[in-house]
Amino acid sequence: MFTGIVEELASVTSIEQKEKGVRFTLSAKIVMDDLKIGDSLSVNGVCLTVTERSEWEFCLDLVPETLEKSNLGELKEGDVVNLERAMKLSDRLGGHILQGHVETIGVILEKQELDDGAVLLVGLDPEWMRYCIPKGSIALDGVSLTIAKIENNIIEIALIPHTLEHTTLGQKIKSDTLNVETDIIGKYIERLIGFEDEDAAKDAEILQAIRHVQYGES
């Protein structure tokens, strides 16, 4: 689990093509103090596992599915990424609960500079708009944010100076892509609401199959 509070920006020092997927080597400082092989890290919102580490660098192996469903395949050597270690049970939940499971990729349609802050207009696949509500939470590239407005399949996000300075969102421009994870609470509510009807339909199918075996009903 993660919270969407970015701990630091890390540099991609190398990208190695593997037989299946790629291996990223990242250079960092803050997260290195207790980082171990096997630990989970959120990298631009994607939950990845540390496979190797040295004093200031660590490696992550990305499978084809991760590259297909996120924007990590667009990264180049020298790019920076948002990093967050998995949360501890004793930590404050400064953002909102995230799994590090990217659901879709959004596109920045417009970035408006306002004083020291900015406003992002992000286009999403309409399929995921049912999990977005005004003033609700969403994660973009692993950053916990609040949806200011919604119009059709476009969400508006206000960025404060701190977010622009300490995450990759400050470097993003129009047409750039963003990894999107919607609020898990909405998905659980949808599942609970639809579960009863789904369960009843399955029970009817099973009953029909039993009757077919016992009585030859069609």
N, C-alpha and C. Protein backbone atom coordinates (compact mmCIF):
# COMPACT_ATOMS: atom_id res chain seq x y z
N MET A 1 0.84 -1.19 0.00
CA MET A 1 0.00 0.00 0.00
C MET A 1 0.88 1.25 0.00
N PHE A 2 0.36 2.30 -0.65
CA PHE A 2 1.06 3.58 -0.70
C PHE A 2 0.07 4.69 -0.37
N THR A 3 0.59 5.92 -0.27
CA THR A 3 -0.28 7.04 0.10
C THR A 3 -0.32 8.13 -0.96
N GLY A 4 0.57 8.08 -1.95
CA GLY A 4 0.60 9.12 -2.96
C GLY A 4 1.37 10.35 -2.54
N ILE A 5 2.14 10.23 -1.45
CA ILE A 5 3.01 11.32 -1.02
C ILE A 5 4.43 11.00 -1.47
N VAL A 6 4.89 11.67 -2.51
CA VAL A 6 6.19 11.37 -3.12
C VAL A 6 7.31 11.73 -2.15
N GLU A 7 8.25 10.79 -1.97
CA GLU A 7 9.37 11.02 -1.05
C GLU A 7 10.55 11.71 -1.73
N GLU A 8 10.78 11.36 -2.98
CA GLU A 8 11.88 12.02 -3.70
C GLU A 8 11.77 11.74 -5.19
N LEU A 9 12.52 12.53 -5.95
CA LEU A 9 12.66 12.30 -7.38
C LEU A 9 13.95 11.51 -7.60
N ALA A 10 13.86 10.41 -8.32
CA ALA A 10 15.02 9.57 -8.61
C ALA A 10 15.34 9.62 -10.09
N SER A 11 16.61 9.44 -10.41
CA SER A 11 17.06 9.48 -11.81
C SER A 11 17.17 8.07 -12.38
N VAL A 12 16.73 7.91 -13.62
CA VAL A 12 16.90 6.65 -14.33
C VAL A 12 18.32 6.64 -14.91
N THR A 13 19.20 5.83 -14.35
CA THR A 13 20.60 5.84 -14.79
C THR A 13 20.85 4.87 -15.94
N SER A 14 20.05 3.80 -16.04
CA SER A 14 20.20 2.90 -17.18
C SER A 14 18.93 2.11 -17.40
N ILE A 15 18.71 1.73 -18.67
CA ILE A 15 17.58 0.89 -19.06
C ILE A 15 18.13 -0.26 -19.90
N GLU A 16 17.97 -1.46 -19.39
CA GLU A 16 18.53 -2.65 -20.05
C GLU A 16 17.41 -3.52 -20.59
N GLN A 17 17.45 -3.79 -21.87
CA GLN A 17 16.46 -4.66 -22.48
C GLN A 17 16.73 -6.11 -22.08
N LYS A 18 15.69 -6.77 -21.60
CA LYS A 18 15.80 -8.18 -21.22
C LYS A 18 15.03 -9.03 -22.24
N GLU A 19 15.14 -10.35 -22.09
CA GLU A 19 14.42 -11.25 -22.99
C GLU A 19 12.92 -11.00 -22.90
N LYS A 20 12.43 -10.77 -21.69
CA LYS A 20 11.02 -10.43 -21.48
C LYS A 20 10.96 -9.22 -20.57
N GLY A 21 10.77 -8.05 -21.14
CA GLY A 21 10.68 -6.83 -20.37
C GLY A 21 11.99 -6.07 -20.35
N VAL A 22 12.15 -5.20 -19.34
CA VAL A 22 13.35 -4.39 -19.21
C VAL A 22 13.77 -4.32 -17.75
N ARG A 23 15.02 -3.92 -17.53
CA ARG A 23 15.52 -3.67 -16.18
C ARG A 23 15.90 -2.20 -16.07
N PHE A 24 15.31 -1.52 -15.08
CA PHE A 24 15.65 -0.14 -14.80
C PHE A 24 16.64 -0.10 -13.65
N THR A 25 17.63 0.77 -13.76
CA THR A 25 18.50 1.10 -12.64
C THR A 25 18.25 2.55 -12.28
N LEU A 26 17.93 2.81 -11.02
CA LEU A 26 17.60 4.15 -10.55
C LEU A 26 18.60 4.59 -9.49
N SER A 27 18.88 5.88 -9.49
CA SER A 27 19.75 6.48 -8.48
C SER A 27 18.90 7.32 -7.54
N ALA A 28 19.06 7.09 -6.23
CA ALA A 28 18.24 7.80 -5.24
C ALA A 28 19.06 8.06 -3.98
N LYS A 29 18.46 8.80 -3.05
CA LYS A 29 19.13 9.10 -1.78
C LYS A 29 18.24 8.75 -0.59
N ILE A 30 17.09 9.41 -0.50
CA ILE A 30 16.25 9.28 0.69
C ILE A 30 15.79 7.84 0.92
N VAL A 31 15.31 7.18 -0.12
CA VAL A 31 14.74 5.84 0.07
C VAL A 31 15.80 4.78 0.33
N MET A 32 17.08 5.12 0.12
CA MET A 32 18.13 4.13 0.23
C MET A 32 18.47 3.76 1.67
N ASP A 33 18.02 4.57 2.64
CA ASP A 33 18.47 4.34 4.01
C ASP A 33 18.02 2.99 4.59
N ASP A 34 16.85 2.50 4.13
CA ASP A 34 16.40 1.19 4.65
C ASP A 34 15.91 0.27 3.52
N LEU A 35 16.30 0.58 2.28
CA LEU A 35 15.80 -0.19 1.14
C LEU A 35 16.46 -1.55 1.07
N LYS A 36 15.64 -2.59 0.91
CA LYS A 36 16.14 -3.97 0.84
C LYS A 36 15.65 -4.63 -0.44
N ILE A 37 16.39 -5.65 -0.88
CA ILE A 37 15.94 -6.46 -2.02
C ILE A 37 14.61 -7.12 -1.65
N GLY A 38 13.65 -7.02 -2.54
CA GLY A 38 12.32 -7.56 -2.28
C GLY A 38 11.32 -6.51 -1.82
N ASP A 39 11.80 -5.31 -1.47
CA ASP A 39 10.90 -4.24 -1.05
C ASP A 39 10.06 -3.74 -2.23
N SER A 40 8.89 -3.22 -1.90
CA SER A 40 8.02 -2.61 -2.91
C SER A 40 8.22 -1.11 -2.95
N LEU A 41 8.25 -0.57 -4.15
CA LEU A 41 8.37 0.87 -4.36
C LEU A 41 7.32 1.31 -5.38
N SER A 42 6.76 2.48 -5.15
CA SER A 42 5.90 3.09 -6.16
C SER A 42 6.77 3.97 -7.04
N VAL A 43 6.84 3.63 -8.33
CA VAL A 43 7.63 4.38 -9.31
C VAL A 43 6.65 4.99 -10.31
N ASN A 44 6.45 6.29 -10.22
CA ASN A 44 5.42 6.96 -11.03
C ASN A 44 4.06 6.27 -10.88
N GLY A 45 3.80 5.81 -9.65
CA GLY A 45 2.50 5.20 -9.37
C GLY A 45 2.40 3.72 -9.64
N VAL A 46 3.48 3.09 -10.09
CA VAL A 46 3.47 1.65 -10.39
C VAL A 46 4.22 0.91 -9.29
N CYS A 47 3.59 -0.07 -8.69
CA CYS A 47 4.22 -0.86 -7.65
C CYS A 47 5.22 -1.84 -8.27
N LEU A 48 6.50 -1.68 -7.92
CA LEU A 48 7.57 -2.52 -8.46
C LEU A 48 8.41 -3.08 -7.31
N THR A 49 9.14 -4.14 -7.60
CA THR A 49 9.95 -4.82 -6.58
C THR A 49 11.43 -4.59 -6.83
N VAL A 50 12.15 -4.26 -5.76
CA VAL A 50 13.60 -4.06 -5.84
C VAL A 50 14.28 -5.42 -6.01
N THR A 51 15.08 -5.57 -7.08
CA THR A 51 15.74 -6.85 -7.36
C THR A 51 17.23 -6.83 -7.04
N GLU A 52 17.84 -5.66 -7.07
CA GLU A 52 19.25 -5.50 -6.70
C GLU A 52 19.44 -4.10 -6.13
N ARG A 53 20.51 -3.92 -5.34
CA ARG A 53 20.82 -2.59 -4.84
C ARG A 53 22.31 -2.46 -4.51
N SER A 54 22.80 -1.23 -4.65
CA SER A 54 24.15 -0.90 -4.22
C SER A 54 24.01 0.28 -3.26
N GLU A 55 25.05 1.05 -3.05
CA GLU A 55 24.97 2.13 -2.07
C GLU A 55 23.96 3.20 -2.46
N TRP A 56 23.96 3.62 -3.74
CA TRP A 56 23.09 4.70 -4.17
C TRP A 56 22.19 4.33 -5.35
N GLU A 57 22.22 3.09 -5.78
CA GLU A 57 21.40 2.67 -6.91
C GLU A 57 20.66 1.38 -6.58
N PHE A 58 19.57 1.15 -7.31
CA PHE A 58 18.83 -0.10 -7.18
C PHE A 58 18.21 -0.45 -8.52
N CYS A 59 17.86 -1.73 -8.68
CA CYS A 59 17.32 -2.23 -9.95
C CYS A 59 15.88 -2.69 -9.78
N LEU A 60 15.11 -2.53 -10.85
CA LEU A 60 13.72 -2.95 -10.91
C LEU A 60 13.49 -3.65 -12.23
N ASP A 61 12.84 -4.81 -12.21
CA ASP A 61 12.53 -5.54 -13.43
C ASP A 61 11.08 -5.32 -13.81
N LEU A 62 10.85 -4.89 -15.04
CA LEU A 62 9.51 -4.61 -15.53
C LEU A 62 9.11 -5.64 -16.57
N VAL A 63 7.98 -6.29 -16.35
CA VAL A 63 7.47 -7.28 -17.29
C VAL A 63 6.70 -6.58 -18.39
N PRO A 64 6.45 -7.26 -19.52
CA PRO A 64 5.74 -6.64 -20.64
C PRO A 64 4.38 -6.03 -20.27
N GLU A 65 3.63 -6.69 -19.36
CA GLU A 65 2.32 -6.17 -18.98
C GLU A 65 2.44 -4.80 -18.32
N THR A 66 3.46 -4.62 -17.48
CA THR A 66 3.68 -3.33 -16.83
C THR A 66 3.99 -2.25 -17.85
N LEU A 67 4.81 -2.60 -18.83
CA LEU A 67 5.18 -1.64 -19.88
C LEU A 67 3.97 -1.29 -20.75
N GLU A 68 3.07 -2.26 -20.92
CA GLU A 68 1.90 -2.05 -21.77
C GLU A 68 0.85 -1.18 -21.09
N LYS A 69 0.67 -1.36 -19.78
CA LYS A 69 -0.43 -0.71 -19.07
C LYS A 69 -0.03 0.57 -18.36
N SER A 70 1.23 0.95 -18.44
CA SER A 70 1.68 2.19 -17.81
C SER A 70 2.52 2.99 -18.79
N ASN A 71 2.96 4.16 -18.36
CA ASN A 71 3.81 4.98 -19.24
C ASN A 71 5.30 4.79 -18.95
N LEU A 72 5.65 3.78 -18.15
CA LEU A 72 7.06 3.57 -17.81
C LEU A 72 7.89 3.20 -19.04
N GLY A 73 7.25 2.62 -20.05
CA GLY A 73 7.96 2.28 -21.27
C GLY A 73 8.41 3.50 -22.06
N GLU A 74 7.87 4.68 -21.71
CA GLU A 74 8.27 5.92 -22.38
C GLU A 74 9.53 6.54 -21.78
N LEU A 75 9.95 6.04 -20.63
CA LEU A 75 11.10 6.63 -19.94
C LEU A 75 12.39 6.42 -20.72
N LYS A 76 13.29 7.39 -20.56
CA LYS A 76 14.62 7.32 -21.17
C LYS A 76 15.66 7.51 -20.08
N GLU A 77 16.88 7.09 -20.36
CA GLU A 77 17.97 7.32 -19.41
C GLU A 77 18.12 8.81 -19.15
N GLY A 78 18.24 9.17 -17.89
CA GLY A 78 18.32 10.58 -17.51
C GLY A 78 17.01 11.17 -17.04
N ASP A 79 15.88 10.50 -17.34
CA ASP A 79 14.59 10.97 -16.86
C ASP A 79 14.49 10.81 -15.35
N VAL A 80 13.59 11.57 -14.73
CA VAL A 80 13.35 11.43 -13.30
C VAL A 80 11.96 10.84 -13.07
N VAL A 81 11.81 10.16 -11.93
CA VAL A 81 10.54 9.51 -11.60
C VAL A 81 10.19 9.82 -10.14
N ASN A 82 8.89 9.72 -9.85
CA ASN A 82 8.41 9.87 -8.47
C ASN A 82 8.61 8.57 -7.72
N LEU A 83 9.17 8.66 -6.51
CA LEU A 83 9.40 7.48 -5.69
C LEU A 83 8.66 7.58 -4.36
N GLU A 84 8.08 6.45 -3.96
CA GLU A 84 7.49 6.34 -2.62
C GLU A 84 7.66 4.92 -2.13
N ARG A 85 8.17 4.76 -0.91
CA ARG A 85 8.25 3.45 -0.29
C ARG A 85 6.87 3.02 0.20
N ALA A 86 6.67 1.71 0.33
CA ALA A 86 5.40 1.21 0.85
C ALA A 86 5.18 1.75 2.26
N MET A 87 3.93 2.06 2.58
CA MET A 87 3.62 2.67 3.87
C MET A 87 3.75 1.66 5.01
N LYS A 88 4.06 2.18 6.21
CA LYS A 88 4.05 1.39 7.42
C LYS A 88 2.71 1.60 8.14
N LEU A 89 2.29 0.62 8.94
CA LEU A 89 1.03 0.75 9.65
C LEU A 89 1.06 1.91 10.64
N SER A 90 2.26 2.30 11.07
CA SER A 90 2.39 3.38 12.03
C SER A 90 2.46 4.76 11.38
N ASP A 91 2.50 4.80 10.02
CA ASP A 91 2.62 6.08 9.32
C ASP A 91 1.31 6.85 9.30
N ARG A 92 1.43 8.17 9.20
CA ARG A 92 0.25 9.00 8.94
C ARG A 92 -0.16 8.81 7.48
N LEU A 93 -1.46 8.78 7.24
CA LEU A 93 -1.97 8.64 5.88
C LEU A 93 -2.15 10.04 5.30
N GLY A 94 -1.05 10.60 4.77
CA GLY A 94 -1.08 11.98 4.31
C GLY A 94 -1.86 12.18 3.02
N GLY A 95 -1.92 11.16 2.16
CA GLY A 95 -2.64 11.27 0.90
C GLY A 95 -3.91 10.44 0.95
N HIS A 96 -3.97 9.37 0.16
CA HIS A 96 -5.07 8.42 0.25
C HIS A 96 -4.53 7.04 -0.10
N ILE A 97 -5.30 6.01 0.16
CA ILE A 97 -4.83 4.64 -0.01
C ILE A 97 -4.66 4.30 -1.50
N LEU A 98 -3.46 3.86 -1.84
CA LEU A 98 -3.13 3.46 -3.20
C LEU A 98 -2.54 2.06 -3.20
N GLN A 99 -2.79 1.31 -4.27
CA GLN A 99 -2.24 -0.03 -4.40
C GLN A 99 -1.03 -0.07 -5.32
N GLY A 100 -0.85 0.97 -6.10
CA GLY A 100 0.23 0.94 -7.09
C GLY A 100 -0.14 0.14 -8.32
N HIS A 101 -1.45 -0.02 -8.55
CA HIS A 101 -1.96 -0.75 -9.71
C HIS A 101 -2.53 0.25 -10.70
N VAL A 102 -1.77 0.55 -11.72
CA VAL A 102 -2.23 1.52 -12.72
C VAL A 102 -3.37 0.93 -13.53
N GLU A 103 -4.44 1.71 -13.68
CA GLU A 103 -5.64 1.22 -14.37
C GLU A 103 -5.72 1.72 -15.80
N THR A 104 -5.26 2.91 -16.03
CA THR A 104 -5.35 3.49 -17.36
C THR A 104 -4.32 4.61 -17.47
N ILE A 105 -4.16 5.12 -18.67
CA ILE A 105 -3.22 6.22 -18.90
C ILE A 105 -4.01 7.45 -19.33
N GLY A 106 -3.77 8.56 -18.64
CA GLY A 106 -4.40 9.82 -18.99
C GLY A 106 -3.46 10.68 -19.82
N VAL A 107 -4.02 11.68 -20.47
CA VAL A 107 -3.23 12.59 -21.31
C VAL A 107 -3.48 14.03 -20.86
N ILE A 108 -2.41 14.79 -20.71
CA ILE A 108 -2.54 16.20 -20.35
C ILE A 108 -3.02 16.98 -21.58
N LEU A 109 -4.23 17.51 -21.51
CA LEU A 109 -4.80 18.27 -22.61
C LEU A 109 -4.41 19.74 -22.53
N GLU A 110 -4.17 20.21 -21.32
CA GLU A 110 -3.78 21.60 -21.13
C GLU A 110 -3.13 21.75 -19.76
N LYS A 111 -2.12 22.61 -19.70
CA LYS A 111 -1.48 22.96 -18.43
C LYS A 111 -1.42 24.47 -18.33
N GLN A 112 -2.17 25.01 -17.37
CA GLN A 112 -2.28 26.45 -17.20
C GLN A 112 -1.44 26.88 -16.00
N GLU A 113 -0.49 27.78 -16.22
CA GLU A 113 0.32 28.32 -15.13
C GLU A 113 -0.47 29.43 -14.44
N LEU A 114 -0.61 29.32 -13.11
CA LEU A 114 -1.34 30.31 -12.33
C LEU A 114 -0.51 30.72 -11.14
N ASP A 115 0.06 31.94 -11.18
CA ASP A 115 0.95 32.41 -10.12
C ASP A 115 2.06 31.36 -9.92
N ASP A 116 2.18 30.83 -8.69
CA ASP A 116 3.21 29.81 -8.43
C ASP A 116 2.70 28.40 -8.67
N GLY A 117 1.39 28.26 -8.90
CA GLY A 117 0.80 26.94 -9.09
C GLY A 117 0.44 26.69 -10.54
N ALA A 118 -0.39 25.67 -10.75
CA ALA A 118 -0.81 25.33 -12.11
C ALA A 118 -2.11 24.54 -12.05
N VAL A 119 -2.78 24.48 -13.19
CA VAL A 119 -4.00 23.68 -13.33
C VAL A 119 -3.79 22.72 -14.50
N LEU A 120 -4.06 21.45 -14.25
CA LEU A 120 -3.97 20.43 -15.30
C LEU A 120 -5.37 20.04 -15.76
N LEU A 121 -5.56 19.95 -17.05
CA LEU A 121 -6.75 19.34 -17.62
C LEU A 121 -6.32 18.02 -18.21
N VAL A 122 -6.86 16.94 -17.66
CA VAL A 122 -6.41 15.59 -18.03
C VAL A 122 -7.57 14.80 -18.63
N GLY A 123 -7.35 14.26 -19.82
CA GLY A 123 -8.36 13.44 -20.47
C GLY A 123 -8.19 11.97 -20.08
N LEU A 124 -9.30 11.33 -19.71
CA LEU A 124 -9.29 9.93 -19.30
C LEU A 124 -10.20 9.11 -20.20
N ASP A 125 -9.94 7.81 -20.25
CA ASP A 125 -10.84 6.88 -20.91
C ASP A 125 -12.19 6.97 -20.20
N PRO A 126 -13.29 7.17 -20.93
CA PRO A 126 -14.61 7.31 -20.30
C PRO A 126 -14.96 6.15 -19.36
N GLU A 127 -14.39 4.98 -19.59
CA GLU A 127 -14.68 3.82 -18.75
C GLU A 127 -14.37 4.08 -17.28
N TRP A 128 -13.38 4.93 -17.02
CA TRP A 128 -12.92 5.14 -15.65
C TRP A 128 -13.52 6.37 -15.00
N MET A 129 -14.35 7.09 -15.71
CA MET A 129 -14.92 8.31 -15.16
C MET A 129 -15.92 8.03 -14.04
N ARG A 130 -16.49 6.84 -13.99
CA ARG A 130 -17.46 6.54 -12.93
C ARG A 130 -16.81 6.49 -11.56
N TYR A 131 -15.49 6.38 -11.51
CA TYR A 131 -14.78 6.37 -10.23
C TYR A 131 -14.25 7.75 -9.86
N CYS A 132 -14.56 8.76 -10.65
CA CYS A 132 -14.08 10.11 -10.40
C CYS A 132 -15.24 10.99 -9.94
N ILE A 133 -15.03 11.72 -8.85
CA ILE A 133 -16.05 12.64 -8.35
C ILE A 133 -15.38 13.97 -8.00
N PRO A 134 -16.11 15.08 -8.14
CA PRO A 134 -15.55 16.37 -7.73
C PRO A 134 -15.14 16.34 -6.27
N LYS A 135 -13.95 16.84 -5.97
CA LYS A 135 -13.35 16.86 -4.64
C LYS A 135 -12.92 15.47 -4.17
N GLY A 136 -13.01 14.48 -5.05
CA GLY A 136 -12.55 13.14 -4.72
C GLY A 136 -11.06 12.99 -5.02
N SER A 137 -10.51 11.86 -4.60
CA SER A 137 -9.07 11.61 -4.76
C SER A 137 -8.77 10.83 -6.03
N ILE A 138 -7.59 11.09 -6.57
CA ILE A 138 -7.07 10.34 -7.72
C ILE A 138 -5.56 10.42 -7.67
N ALA A 139 -4.88 9.41 -8.20
CA ALA A 139 -3.42 9.41 -8.26
C ALA A 139 -2.98 9.55 -9.70
N LEU A 140 -2.12 10.53 -9.96
CA LEU A 140 -1.53 10.74 -11.28
C LEU A 140 -0.02 10.58 -11.15
N ASP A 141 0.54 9.61 -11.84
CA ASP A 141 1.96 9.29 -11.72
C ASP A 141 2.36 9.09 -10.27
N GLY A 142 1.45 8.50 -9.49
CA GLY A 142 1.76 8.17 -8.10
C GLY A 142 1.59 9.31 -7.13
N VAL A 143 1.07 10.45 -7.57
CA VAL A 143 0.87 11.62 -6.71
C VAL A 143 -0.61 11.70 -6.31
N SER A 144 -0.86 11.72 -5.01
CA SER A 144 -2.22 11.84 -4.51
C SER A 144 -2.73 13.26 -4.75
N LEU A 145 -3.84 13.37 -5.48
CA LEU A 145 -4.38 14.67 -5.86
C LEU A 145 -5.89 14.71 -5.67
N THR A 146 -6.43 15.92 -5.69
CA THR A 146 -7.87 16.11 -5.55
C THR A 146 -8.45 16.63 -6.87
N ILE A 147 -9.55 16.02 -7.29
CA ILE A 147 -10.22 16.45 -8.51
C ILE A 147 -11.01 17.72 -8.22
N ALA A 148 -10.67 18.80 -8.92
CA ALA A 148 -11.36 20.08 -8.69
C ALA A 148 -12.69 20.13 -9.45
N LYS A 149 -12.66 19.74 -10.73
CA LYS A 149 -13.86 19.78 -11.56
C LYS A 149 -13.84 18.61 -12.53
N ILE A 150 -15.02 18.30 -13.05
CA ILE A 150 -15.16 17.25 -14.06
C ILE A 150 -16.07 17.76 -15.17
N GLU A 151 -15.65 17.56 -16.41
CA GLU A 151 -16.49 17.88 -17.56
C GLU A 151 -16.32 16.78 -18.59
N ASN A 152 -17.39 16.03 -18.82
CA ASN A 152 -17.33 14.87 -19.71
C ASN A 152 -16.24 13.92 -19.22
N ASN A 153 -15.23 13.63 -20.03
CA ASN A 153 -14.17 12.73 -19.59
C ASN A 153 -12.87 13.49 -19.31
N ILE A 154 -13.02 14.74 -18.90
CA ILE A 154 -11.87 15.57 -18.57
C ILE A 154 -11.93 15.97 -17.10
N ILE A 155 -10.83 15.73 -16.38
CA ILE A 155 -10.76 16.14 -14.98
C ILE A 155 -9.82 17.33 -14.86
N GLU A 156 -10.13 18.22 -13.93
CA GLU A 156 -9.29 19.39 -13.67
C GLU A 156 -8.61 19.21 -12.32
N ILE A 157 -7.30 19.40 -12.30
CA ILE A 157 -6.51 19.22 -11.10
C ILE A 157 -5.73 20.50 -10.82
N ALA A 158 -5.81 21.02 -9.60
CA ALA A 158 -5.02 22.18 -9.20
C ALA A 158 -3.74 21.70 -8.52
N LEU A 159 -2.62 22.24 -8.93
CA LEU A 159 -1.31 21.86 -8.38
C LEU A 159 -0.72 23.02 -7.61
N ILE A 160 -0.33 22.76 -6.36
CA ILE A 160 0.30 23.80 -5.55
C ILE A 160 1.80 23.83 -5.86
N PRO A 161 2.48 24.91 -5.49
CA PRO A 161 3.92 25.01 -5.78
C PRO A 161 4.75 23.84 -5.26
N HIS A 162 4.42 23.33 -4.08
CA HIS A 162 5.18 22.21 -3.51
C HIS A 162 5.11 21.00 -4.42
N THR A 163 3.93 20.70 -4.94
CA THR A 163 3.76 19.55 -5.83
C THR A 163 4.55 19.74 -7.12
N LEU A 164 4.53 20.94 -7.65
CA LEU A 164 5.26 21.23 -8.89
C LEU A 164 6.77 21.09 -8.69
N GLU A 165 7.23 21.45 -7.51
CA GLU A 165 8.68 21.42 -7.25
C GLU A 165 9.19 20.04 -6.88
N HIS A 166 8.38 19.26 -6.19
CA HIS A 166 8.87 18.01 -5.62
C HIS A 166 8.37 16.76 -6.32
N THR A 167 7.64 16.89 -7.43
CA THR A 167 7.21 15.72 -8.21
C THR A 167 7.46 16.00 -9.69
N THR A 168 7.30 14.97 -10.49
CA THR A 168 7.50 15.12 -11.93
C THR A 168 6.41 15.95 -12.59
N LEU A 169 5.32 16.22 -11.89
CA LEU A 169 4.23 16.99 -12.48
C LEU A 169 4.66 18.40 -12.84
N GLY A 170 5.69 18.90 -12.17
CA GLY A 170 6.21 20.22 -12.51
C GLY A 170 6.87 20.26 -13.87
N GLN A 171 7.34 19.09 -14.35
CA GLN A 171 8.04 19.02 -15.63
C GLN A 171 7.12 18.58 -16.77
N LYS A 172 5.94 18.13 -16.41
CA LYS A 172 5.02 17.63 -17.43
C LYS A 172 4.46 18.78 -18.26
N ILE A 173 4.23 18.50 -19.54
CA ILE A 173 3.68 19.49 -20.45
C ILE A 173 2.49 18.90 -21.21
N LYS A 174 1.86 19.73 -22.01
CA LYS A 174 0.72 19.30 -22.81
C LYS A 174 1.09 18.09 -23.67
N SER A 175 0.21 17.12 -23.73
CA SER A 175 0.33 15.87 -24.51
C SER A 175 1.12 14.79 -23.78
N ASP A 176 1.73 15.10 -22.64
CA ASP A 176 2.41 14.06 -21.86
C ASP A 176 1.37 13.12 -21.26
N THR A 177 1.80 11.89 -21.01
CA THR A 177 0.91 10.89 -20.43
C THR A 177 1.11 10.80 -18.92
N LEU A 178 0.09 10.27 -18.24
CA LEU A 178 0.11 10.11 -16.79
C LEU A 178 -0.47 8.76 -16.42
N ASN A 179 0.19 8.06 -15.50
CA ASN A 179 -0.38 6.83 -14.95
C ASN A 179 -1.52 7.19 -14.01
N VAL A 180 -2.64 6.51 -14.16
CA VAL A 180 -3.84 6.84 -13.38
C VAL A 180 -4.27 5.67 -12.52
N GLU A 181 -4.48 5.94 -11.24
CA GLU A 181 -5.12 4.99 -10.34
C GLU A 181 -6.26 5.71 -9.65
N THR A 182 -7.48 5.25 -9.87
CA THR A 182 -8.65 5.89 -9.26
C THR A 182 -8.81 5.41 -7.82
N ASP A 183 -9.73 6.04 -7.10
CA ASP A 183 -9.91 5.76 -5.69
C ASP A 183 -10.48 4.36 -5.47
N ILE A 184 -9.81 3.58 -4.64
CA ILE A 184 -10.20 2.18 -4.40
C ILE A 184 -11.57 2.09 -3.73
N ILE A 185 -11.95 3.10 -2.97
CA ILE A 185 -13.23 3.06 -2.26
C ILE A 185 -14.39 2.97 -3.24
N GLY A 186 -14.32 3.74 -4.32
CA GLY A 186 -15.38 3.70 -5.32
C GLY A 186 -15.53 2.33 -5.96
N LYS A 187 -14.40 1.66 -6.17
CA LYS A 187 -14.45 0.33 -6.80
C LYS A 187 -15.06 -0.70 -5.87
N TYR A 188 -14.78 -0.60 -4.57
CA TYR A 188 -15.38 -1.52 -3.61
C TYR A 188 -16.88 -1.29 -3.50
N ILE A 189 -17.29 -0.02 -3.51
CA ILE A 189 -18.73 0.29 -3.45
C ILE A 189 -19.44 -0.29 -4.66
N GLU A 190 -18.86 -0.11 -5.84
CA GLU A 190 -19.46 -0.64 -7.06
C GLU A 190 -19.59 -2.16 -6.98
N ARG A 191 -18.56 -2.81 -6.46
CA ARG A 191 -18.56 -4.27 -6.35
C ARG A 191 -19.64 -4.74 -5.38
N LEU A 192 -19.78 -4.06 -4.25
CA LEU A 192 -20.77 -4.45 -3.25
C LEU A 192 -22.18 -4.26 -3.78
N ILE A 193 -22.42 -3.16 -4.50
CA ILE A 193 -23.75 -2.90 -5.04
C ILE A 193 -24.13 -3.94 -6.09
N GLY A 194 -23.17 -4.31 -6.92
CA GLY A 194 -23.47 -5.25 -8.01
C GLY A 194 -23.36 -6.71 -7.62
N PHE A 195 -22.85 -6.99 -6.41
CA PHE A 195 -22.58 -8.37 -6.03
C PHE A 195 -23.85 -9.19 -5.89
N GLU A 196 -24.89 -8.62 -5.29
CA GLU A 196 -26.12 -9.36 -5.03
C GLU A 196 -26.76 -9.83 -6.33
N ASP A 197 -26.87 -8.93 -7.32
CA ASP A 197 -27.47 -9.30 -8.60
C ASP A 197 -26.61 -10.33 -9.32
N GLU A 198 -25.29 -10.14 -9.24
CA GLU A 198 -24.37 -11.08 -9.90
C GLU A 198 -24.48 -12.45 -9.27
N ASP A 199 -24.56 -12.48 -7.92
CA ASP A 199 -24.65 -13.74 -7.20
C ASP A 199 -25.95 -14.46 -7.53
N ALA A 200 -27.05 -13.71 -7.62
CA ALA A 200 -28.35 -14.31 -7.94
C ALA A 200 -28.33 -14.92 -9.34
N ALA A 201 -27.69 -14.24 -10.28
CA ALA A 201 -27.61 -14.74 -11.65
C ALA A 201 -26.82 -16.05 -11.70
N LYS A 202 -25.73 -16.12 -10.94
CA LYS A 202 -24.93 -17.34 -10.92
C LYS A 202 -25.70 -18.49 -10.28
N ASP A 203 -26.43 -18.19 -9.20
CA ASP A 203 -27.24 -19.23 -8.54
C ASP A 203 -28.28 -19.79 -9.50
N ALA A 204 -28.88 -18.91 -10.32
CA ALA A 204 -29.89 -19.36 -11.28
C ALA A 204 -29.26 -20.27 -12.33
N GLU A 205 -28.04 -19.93 -12.77
CA GLU A 205 -27.34 -20.76 -13.75
C GLU A 205 -27.02 -22.14 -13.18
N ILE A 206 -26.56 -22.17 -11.92
CA ILE A 206 -26.23 -23.45 -11.27
C ILE A 206 -27.48 -24.30 -11.11
N LEU A 207 -28.59 -23.67 -10.66
CA LEU A 207 -29.85 -24.40 -10.48
C LEU A 207 -30.34 -24.98 -11.79
N GLN A 208 -30.21 -24.21 -12.87
CA GLN A 208 -30.63 -24.67 -14.18
C GLN A 208 -29.80 -25.87 -14.62
N ALA A 209 -28.50 -25.85 -14.33
CA ALA A 209 -27.61 -26.96 -14.70
C ALA A 209 -27.97 -28.22 -13.93
N ILE A 210 -28.29 -28.06 -12.64
CA ILE A 210 -28.68 -29.21 -11.81
C ILE A 210 -29.96 -29.84 -12.32
N ARG A 211 -30.93 -29.00 -12.66
CA ARG A 211 -32.21 -29.51 -13.18
C ARG A 211 -32.01 -30.23 -14.50
N HIS A 212 -31.08 -29.71 -15.31
CA HIS A 212 -30.82 -30.34 -16.60
C HIS A 212 -30.27 -31.76 -16.40
N VAL A 213 -29.38 -31.91 -15.41
CA VAL A 213 -28.77 -33.22 -15.13
C VAL A 213 -29.81 -34.16 -14.53
N GLN A 214 -30.62 -33.65 -13.59
CA GLN A 214 -31.57 -34.53 -12.89
C GLN A 214 -32.79 -34.89 -13.72
N TYR A 215 -33.33 -33.90 -14.42
CA TYR A 215 -34.62 -34.11 -15.07
C TYR A 215 -34.58 -33.95 -16.58
N GLY A 216 -33.41 -33.64 -17.11
CA GLY A 216 -33.31 -33.47 -18.53
C GLY A 216 -33.97 -32.20 -19.03
N GLU A 217 -34.13 -31.21 -18.13
CA GLU A 217 -34.73 -29.95 -18.54
C GLU A 217 -33.73 -29.15 -19.36
N SER A 218 -34.25 -28.34 -20.27
CA SER A 218 -33.38 -27.48 -21.08
C SER A 218 -33.60 -26.04 -20.73
